[in-house]
Amino acid sequence: MDIRKRLETDLIEAVSRLRQMGGSAALEELLGASGHSWAFADEVDEIQANERREIGFATRELLVERVNRITAALDRLNDGEYGTCVECGEKIAAARLRALPEVQTCVRCQDMIERRMHHQELEPVEVEAGAEDD
């Protein structure tokens, strides 16, 4: 399959899923917020509804991120820059592009990005002087 067709198909699919989820979110808003205990038979129902809502939010966020990545890949394709790592400028391996056509980085750069993110998560948070006295 041509890469442009694959990206466009993936984009249509992701946008469609996002729209479907948006419809269910609107219905949930119409029926009431999770804080309205009258809508639930018991506390377990409320907990389950909150879990479904959180999963829905996370799924929508992932879909929005995917739509953005695919759109960016189509832009790079139009600009003649598709398949080139945005970090180092080297060619991205064809197998990586087949597996993840919207990918922007080569394996080496992606590994470095993930290591930096992981390292930042592990760094201790500094407390300002005097903040403990509050």
Protein backbone atom coordinates (compact mmCIF):
# COMPACT_ATOMS: atom_id res chain seq x y z
CA MET A 1 0.00 0.00 0.00
CA ASP A 2 1.22 3.48 -0.89
CA ILE A 3 2.39 5.38 2.21
CA ARG A 4 0.14 8.37 1.51
CA LYS A 5 -2.92 6.10 1.23
CA ARG A 6 -1.97 4.30 4.43
CA LEU A 7 -1.52 7.55 6.36
CA GLU A 8 -4.79 8.94 4.99
CA THR A 9 -6.63 5.70 5.87
CA ASP A 10 -5.13 5.71 9.37
CA LEU A 11 -6.13 9.36 9.77
CA ILE A 12 -9.73 8.72 8.70
CA GLU A 13 -9.92 5.74 11.07
CA ALA A 14 -8.53 7.68 14.05
CA VAL A 15 -10.80 10.68 13.42
CA SER A 16 -13.80 8.36 13.09
CA ARG A 17 -13.02 6.68 16.41
CA LEU A 18 -12.56 10.08 18.01
CA ARG A 19 -15.94 11.24 16.72
CA GLN A 20 -17.62 8.06 18.00
CA MET A 21 -16.14 8.63 21.43
CA GLY A 22 -17.22 12.27 21.37
CA GLY A 23 -20.81 11.17 20.85
CA SER A 24 -20.76 8.91 23.88
CA ALA A 25 -19.18 11.68 25.98
CA ALA A 26 -21.96 14.08 25.00
CA LEU A 27 -24.58 11.53 26.04
CA GLU A 28 -22.83 11.02 29.38
CA GLU A 29 -22.77 14.79 29.98
CA LEU A 30 -26.47 14.98 29.19
CA LEU A 31 -27.29 12.24 31.70
CA GLY A 32 -25.35 13.92 34.50
CA ALA A 33 -21.96 14.28 36.08
CA SER A 34 -20.37 11.60 38.25
CA GLY A 35 -20.98 13.72 41.35
CA HIS A 36 -24.73 13.22 41.16
CA SER A 37 -25.18 10.20 43.41
CA TRP A 38 -28.87 9.91 42.44
CA ALA A 39 -27.81 8.49 39.08
CA PHE A 40 -26.10 5.49 40.69
CA ALA A 41 -27.55 2.53 42.55
CA ASP A 42 -24.58 2.37 44.90
CA GLU A 43 -20.97 3.42 45.40
CA VAL A 44 -19.64 0.58 43.22
CA ASP A 45 -21.66 1.86 40.25
CA GLU A 46 -20.21 5.32 40.77
CA ILE A 47 -16.66 3.94 40.94
CA GLN A 48 -17.19 1.95 37.75
CA ALA A 49 -18.64 4.99 35.97
CA ASN A 50 -15.62 7.07 37.04
CA GLU A 51 -13.26 4.38 35.74
CA ARG A 52 -15.06 4.29 32.38
CA ARG A 53 -14.91 8.07 32.18
CA GLU A 54 -11.16 8.13 32.94
CA ILE A 55 -10.49 5.40 30.38
CA GLY A 56 -12.52 7.39 27.86
CA PHE A 57 -10.51 10.56 28.55
CA ALA A 58 -7.22 8.69 28.20
CA THR A 59 -8.34 6.98 24.99
CA ARG A 60 -9.48 10.28 23.48
CA GLU A 61 -6.15 11.87 24.40
CA LEU A 62 -4.24 9.05 22.71
CA LEU A 63 -6.41 9.35 19.60
CA VAL A 64 -5.86 13.12 19.41
CA GLU A 65 -2.11 12.57 19.70
CA ARG A 66 -2.26 9.96 16.92
CA VAL A 67 -4.26 12.28 14.65
CA ASN A 68 -1.63 14.98 15.24
CA ARG A 69 1.24 12.58 14.46
CA ILE A 70 -0.42 11.33 11.27
CA THR A 71 -1.18 14.88 10.14
CA ALA A 72 2.45 15.85 10.79
CA ALA A 73 3.61 12.80 8.79
CA LEU A 74 1.41 13.85 5.86
CA ASP A 75 2.88 17.36 6.08
CA ARG A 76 6.42 15.90 6.04
CA LEU A 77 5.43 13.75 3.05
CA ASN A 78 4.15 16.84 1.20
CA ASP A 79 7.36 18.73 2.05
CA GLY A 80 9.57 15.85 0.87
CA GLU A 81 10.89 15.25 4.39
CA TYR A 82 9.02 12.02 5.18
CA GLY A 83 11.25 9.21 6.40
CA THR A 84 13.91 11.54 7.78
CA CYS A 85 14.45 11.72 11.54
CA VAL A 86 13.40 15.12 12.90
CA GLU A 87 16.12 14.89 15.56
CA CYS A 88 19.28 13.84 13.70
CA GLY A 89 18.31 14.15 10.04
CA GLU A 90 19.21 10.53 9.23
CA LYS A 91 16.94 8.18 7.29
CA ILE A 92 14.43 6.23 9.37
CA ALA A 93 14.58 2.48 8.72
CA ALA A 94 11.96 1.27 6.22
CA ALA A 95 10.82 -1.49 8.60
CA ARG A 96 10.16 1.12 11.31
CA LEU A 97 8.13 3.25 8.87
CA ARG A 98 6.11 0.20 7.79
CA ALA A 99 5.31 -0.61 11.41
CA LEU A 100 4.67 3.01 12.49
CA PRO A 101 4.11 5.16 9.39
CA GLU A 102 3.62 8.31 11.47
CA VAL A 103 6.92 7.96 13.34
CA GLN A 104 9.17 11.05 13.34
CA THR A 105 12.40 9.68 14.78
CA CYS A 106 14.87 6.90 14.14
CA VAL A 107 15.25 4.18 16.76
CA ARG A 108 18.44 5.70 18.19
CA CYS A 109 16.91 9.16 18.68
CA GLN A 110 13.67 7.72 20.07
CA ASP A 111 15.70 5.74 22.59
CA MET A 112 17.57 8.89 23.65
CA ILE A 113 14.29 10.83 24.00
CA GLU A 114 12.77 8.09 26.15
CA ARG A 115 15.90 7.89 28.32
CA ARG A 116 15.82 11.68 28.88
CA MET A 117 12.13 11.52 29.81
CA HIS A 118 12.74 8.61 32.18
CA HIS A 119 15.70 10.41 33.74
CA GLN A 120 13.61 13.58 34.28
CA GLU A 121 10.89 11.53 35.98
CA LEU A 122 13.46 10.10 38.40
CA GLU A 123 15.07 13.42 39.34
CA PRO A 124 14.16 14.55 42.87
CA VAL A 125 12.00 17.65 43.12
CA GLU A 126 13.80 20.54 44.82
CA VAL A 127 11.93 22.21 47.67
CA GLU A 128 12.27 25.98 47.90
CA ALA A 129 13.82 27.37 51.08
CA GLY A 130 11.13 28.31 53.53
CA ALA A 131 8.47 26.23 51.78
CA GLU A 132 8.57 23.70 54.60
CA ASP A 133 7.66 26.39 57.14
CA ASP A 134 4.23 27.02 55.53
